[in-house]
Amino acid sequence: MREEAGTIDRGDGVRLAWRRIAGRGVGVVFLGGFNSDMTGSKAEFLAGWCEARGTPFLRFDYSGHGASEGRFVDGTIGRWAQDAACVLDALAPGPQVLVGSSMGGWIALLLARRRAPHALVGIAPAPDFTEDLMWAEFTPEIRATIEREGVWHRPSDYGAPYPITRALIEDGREHLLLRGPIALDVPVRILQGMDDPDVPWRHALRIAEAITGGDVRVTLVKDGDHRLSRPADLALLGETLAPLLL
């Protein structure tokens, strides 16, 4: 079945790009990471995997990411969560399994508070990363730059330096989840590499502990990195997802 593509106005003239595969039964929605897009290896794997199974699949780009309009520097966790809610509400009716990678795991948990998913899969999920994995780790000099200039360009192992804005940090504080229990009672599966330089594997255990539901499982991949995009990692993703769609 062919994948259709389009854009949707999020309500203020900024158009968000999406791709969708039709199917039957519970659907899968992929939520990408910070400064990534919907053409990455995990999204492409899921598209092929869902198409082969006849499972509905939706992927999209947040504003300022990939093929969507808007500027990355203007984005915040709250804004990108609203982008995701807009796309889901318009294009993903019925029960959905939310698959969130890195920042997408935070977005998925925020979405789950307003519309309970059928299940949730986190791939190195990173709720609260702006505060716990960025701000807390920044030097006083970096913090001062962000507070004074409103932005600092962080070097990246995956490409050009990218902006970390004061707005991103301050808005992130409005959406922190790990300061208390996360009321969620659906199946949750977390895949986490123990060799992840960006999200420490103990972060996954914090998430599992915070979620109030009992059906939560964490799978640690000892030699896994942040992306978890090797063939064996992608196979594990498929094996983890399949039982959640029954």
Protein backbone atom coordinates (compact mmCIF):
# COMPACT_ATOMS: atom_id res chain seq x y z
CA MET A 1 0.00 0.00 0.00
CA ARG A 2 1.43 3.34 -1.02
CA GLU A 3 2.38 5.97 1.53
CA GLU A 4 0.59 9.26 1.07
CA ALA A 5 2.16 12.57 2.00
CA GLY A 6 0.85 16.04 2.70
CA THR A 7 0.92 19.03 4.98
CA ILE A 8 -1.45 20.39 7.60
CA ASP A 9 -1.84 23.93 8.91
CA ARG A 10 -1.30 23.81 12.67
CA GLY A 11 -3.58 26.81 13.05
CA ASP A 12 -1.29 29.78 12.58
CA GLY A 13 -0.24 29.37 8.96
CA VAL A 14 2.74 27.12 9.69
CA ARG A 15 2.34 23.89 7.74
CA LEU A 16 3.53 20.58 9.18
CA ALA A 17 4.66 17.82 6.82
CA TRP A 18 3.38 14.27 7.31
CA ARG A 19 3.37 10.83 5.71
CA ARG A 20 0.76 8.16 6.30
CA ILE A 21 0.13 4.52 5.39
CA ALA A 22 -3.43 3.26 5.58
CA GLY A 23 -4.22 -0.04 7.24
CA ARG A 24 -6.48 -1.81 9.69
CA GLY A 25 -6.50 -2.10 13.44
CA VAL A 26 -4.38 -0.30 15.98
CA GLY A 27 -2.12 2.27 14.37
CA VAL A 28 1.49 3.31 14.98
CA VAL A 29 2.62 6.92 15.27
CA PHE A 30 6.32 7.78 15.21
CA LEU A 31 7.53 10.82 17.16
CA GLY A 32 11.05 11.83 16.22
CA GLY A 33 13.81 13.34 18.29
CA PHE A 34 15.28 16.78 18.83
CA ASN A 35 16.67 18.18 15.57
CA SER A 36 15.84 14.99 13.64
CA ASP A 37 13.21 14.32 10.99
CA MET A 38 10.80 11.69 9.73
CA THR A 39 13.20 10.20 7.17
CA GLY A 40 15.56 8.67 9.72
CA SER A 41 16.34 4.98 9.90
CA LYS A 42 13.85 4.12 12.66
CA ALA A 43 11.00 5.93 10.90
CA GLU A 44 11.86 4.28 7.60
CA PHE A 45 12.04 0.88 9.27
CA LEU A 46 8.64 1.35 10.89
CA ALA A 47 7.10 2.47 7.61
CA GLY A 48 8.20 -0.73 5.89
CA TRP A 49 7.36 -2.89 8.91
CA CYS A 50 3.85 -1.46 9.24
CA GLU A 51 3.19 -1.61 5.51
CA ALA A 52 4.13 -5.30 5.43
CA ARG A 53 1.71 -6.01 8.29
CA GLY A 54 -1.15 -3.87 7.01
CA THR A 55 -0.82 -1.67 10.11
CA PRO A 56 -1.70 2.04 9.88
CA PHE A 57 1.38 4.24 10.26
CA LEU A 58 1.83 7.99 10.67
CA ARG A 59 5.02 10.04 10.85
CA PHE A 60 5.55 13.79 10.66
CA ASP A 61 8.02 16.60 11.25
CA TYR A 62 7.68 19.11 14.05
CA SER A 63 7.86 22.76 13.06
CA GLY A 64 11.41 23.76 12.20
CA HIS A 65 12.31 20.14 11.49
CA GLY A 66 12.67 18.32 8.19
CA ALA A 67 10.05 19.22 5.60
CA SER A 68 7.84 21.24 7.94
CA GLU A 69 7.70 25.02 7.95
CA GLY A 70 8.86 27.23 10.79
CA ARG A 71 12.27 27.89 12.33
CA PHE A 72 13.96 25.40 14.59
CA VAL A 73 15.23 28.21 16.80
CA ASP A 74 11.63 29.21 17.57
CA GLY A 75 10.69 25.74 18.80
CA THR A 76 10.06 24.61 22.36
CA ILE A 77 8.85 21.39 23.97
CA GLY A 78 5.37 22.86 24.43
CA ARG A 79 5.22 24.07 20.83
CA TRP A 80 6.36 20.74 19.42
CA ALA A 81 3.92 18.86 21.64
CA GLN A 82 1.15 21.05 20.22
CA ASP A 83 2.41 20.27 16.71
CA ALA A 84 2.17 16.55 17.48
CA ALA A 85 -1.31 16.88 18.95
CA CYS A 86 -2.47 18.76 15.87
CA VAL A 87 -1.25 16.04 13.51
CA LEU A 88 -2.58 13.17 15.65
CA ASP A 89 -6.00 14.70 16.10
CA ALA A 90 -6.38 15.29 12.37
CA LEU A 91 -4.77 12.17 10.93
CA ALA A 92 -4.70 9.38 13.53
CA PRO A 93 -8.18 8.57 14.78
CA GLY A 94 -8.73 5.47 16.87
CA PRO A 95 -6.28 3.60 19.08
CA GLN A 96 -2.59 4.29 18.48
CA VAL A 97 0.73 3.04 19.75
CA LEU A 98 2.99 6.05 20.21
CA VAL A 99 6.64 5.31 19.40
CA GLY A 100 8.80 8.14 20.67
CA SER A 101 12.53 8.43 20.03
CA SER A 102 14.58 10.57 22.45
CA MET A 103 12.69 13.88 22.68
CA GLY A 104 9.82 12.07 21.00
CA GLY A 105 9.53 9.97 24.14
CA TRP A 106 8.90 13.15 26.15
CA ILE A 107 6.37 14.33 23.57
CA ALA A 108 4.64 10.93 23.67
CA LEU A 109 4.28 11.09 27.45
CA LEU A 110 2.85 14.61 27.21
CA LEU A 111 0.38 13.48 24.55
CA ALA A 112 -0.65 10.53 26.71
CA ARG A 113 -1.88 12.94 29.39
CA ARG A 114 -4.49 14.40 27.04
CA ARG A 115 -5.38 11.31 25.01
CA ALA A 116 -4.51 7.88 26.37
CA PRO A 117 -2.69 5.80 23.73
CA HIS A 118 -3.20 2.09 23.19
CA ALA A 119 0.42 1.65 24.28
CA LEU A 120 3.68 3.59 24.33
CA VAL A 121 7.17 2.64 23.18
CA GLY A 122 10.14 4.82 24.10
CA ILE A 123 13.47 4.54 22.31
CA ALA A 124 16.02 6.21 24.59
CA PRO A 125 13.13 8.39 25.79
CA ALA A 126 14.26 11.74 27.17
CA PRO A 127 11.60 13.48 29.25
CA ASP A 128 12.97 16.50 31.12
CA PHE A 129 16.15 16.48 29.02
CA THR A 130 16.28 20.27 28.72
CA GLU A 131 16.66 20.55 32.49
CA ASP A 132 18.36 17.32 33.58
CA LEU A 133 20.53 16.47 30.59
CA MET A 134 21.25 19.97 29.29
CA TRP A 135 20.96 22.77 31.85
CA ALA A 136 22.22 20.68 34.76
CA GLU A 137 25.29 19.68 32.72
CA PHE A 138 26.10 23.08 31.23
CA THR A 139 29.06 25.02 32.55
CA PRO A 140 28.47 28.38 34.24
CA GLU A 141 29.86 30.01 31.09
CA ILE A 142 27.35 28.28 28.82
CA ARG A 143 24.48 29.14 31.17
CA ALA A 144 25.58 32.75 31.22
CA THR A 145 25.70 32.86 27.41
CA ILE A 146 22.17 31.49 27.15
CA GLU A 147 20.85 33.91 29.76
CA ARG A 148 22.66 36.90 28.26
CA GLU A 149 22.26 36.25 24.53
CA GLY A 150 19.19 34.01 24.53
CA VAL A 151 20.93 31.26 22.58
CA TRP A 152 24.03 29.05 22.57
CA HIS A 153 25.05 26.84 19.65
CA ARG A 154 25.83 23.36 20.89
CA PRO A 155 28.31 21.18 18.97
CA SER A 156 26.80 17.96 17.66
CA ASP A 157 28.19 14.55 16.82
CA TYR A 158 25.47 14.24 14.17
CA GLY A 159 26.03 17.41 12.13
CA ALA A 160 26.36 21.18 12.44
CA PRO A 161 26.03 22.89 15.84
CA TYR A 162 22.42 23.59 16.78
CA PRO A 163 20.85 26.34 18.87
CA ILE A 164 19.85 25.88 22.50
CA THR A 165 17.65 28.83 23.36
CA ARG A 166 16.62 30.37 26.65
CA ALA A 167 13.01 29.85 25.53
CA LEU A 168 13.63 26.11 25.09
CA ILE A 169 15.05 25.81 28.62
CA GLU A 170 12.38 27.97 30.26
CA ASP A 171 9.49 26.31 28.43
CA GLY A 172 10.92 22.88 29.25
CA ARG A 173 10.48 23.69 32.93
CA GLU A 174 6.75 24.03 32.32
CA HIS A 175 6.57 20.44 31.05
CA LEU A 176 8.78 18.47 33.45
CA LEU A 177 7.42 14.99 34.21
CA LEU A 178 9.95 13.27 36.46
CA ARG A 179 9.36 15.44 39.51
CA GLY A 180 6.47 13.22 40.53
CA PRO A 181 4.38 10.25 39.38
CA ILE A 182 3.36 9.97 35.73
CA ALA A 183 -0.26 8.83 35.69
CA LEU A 184 -0.30 6.35 32.81
CA ASP A 185 -1.90 2.93 32.86
CA VAL A 186 -1.22 1.48 29.41
CA PRO A 187 1.53 -0.90 28.30
CA VAL A 188 4.86 0.94 28.19
CA ARG A 189 8.03 -0.47 26.66
CA ILE A 190 11.37 1.32 26.89
CA LEU A 191 14.39 0.40 24.75
CA GLN A 192 17.59 1.95 26.04
CA GLY A 193 21.23 1.61 25.04
CA MET A 194 23.68 1.40 27.91
CA ASP A 195 26.39 2.98 25.75
CA ASP A 196 24.22 6.03 25.03
CA PRO A 197 26.28 9.24 25.40
CA ASP A 198 23.20 11.50 25.34
CA VAL A 199 20.64 9.80 27.59
CA PRO A 200 22.10 7.80 30.50
CA TRP A 201 20.52 4.36 30.81
CA ARG A 202 19.48 5.10 34.39
CA HIS A 203 17.17 7.78 32.98
CA ALA A 204 15.04 4.95 31.57
CA LEU A 205 14.74 3.46 35.05
CA ARG A 206 13.60 6.83 36.43
CA ILE A 207 10.84 6.90 33.82
CA ALA A 208 9.74 3.34 34.58
CA GLU A 209 9.65 4.09 38.30
CA ALA A 210 7.61 7.27 37.78
CA ILE A 211 4.90 5.68 35.62
CA THR A 212 2.03 4.57 37.83
CA GLY A 213 0.85 1.65 35.68
CA GLY A 214 2.20 -1.82 36.27
CA ASP A 215 2.76 -2.97 32.68
CA VAL A 216 6.11 -1.25 32.18
CA ARG A 217 9.17 -3.03 30.82
CA VAL A 218 12.66 -1.72 30.22
CA THR A 219 15.00 -3.46 27.79
CA LEU A 220 18.65 -2.50 28.13
CA VAL A 221 20.98 -3.01 25.18
CA LYS A 222 24.46 -3.12 26.69
CA ASP A 223 26.35 -2.04 23.57
CA GLY A 224 23.52 0.14 22.24
CA ASP A 225 24.09 3.81 21.44
CA HIS A 226 21.59 6.68 21.43
CA ARG A 227 20.15 6.01 18.02
CA LEU A 228 19.53 2.26 18.37
CA SER A 229 19.41 2.04 14.59
CA ARG A 230 21.56 -1.01 13.85
CA PRO A 231 19.79 -3.95 12.18
CA ALA A 232 19.61 -5.82 15.49
CA ASP A 233 18.22 -2.73 17.22
CA LEU A 234 15.53 -2.30 14.57
CA ALA A 235 14.65 -5.98 14.81
CA LEU A 236 14.25 -5.54 18.56
CA LEU A 237 11.94 -2.59 17.94
CA GLY A 238 9.75 -4.74 15.71
CA GLU A 239 9.71 -7.58 18.22
CA THR A 240 8.75 -5.16 20.97
CA LEU A 241 6.01 -3.48 18.96
CA ALA A 242 4.30 -6.54 17.49
CA PRO A 243 2.60 -7.84 20.69
CA LEU A 244 1.26 -4.36 21.45
CA LEU A 245 -0.79 -4.35 18.25
CA LEU A 246 -2.76 -7.53 19.00
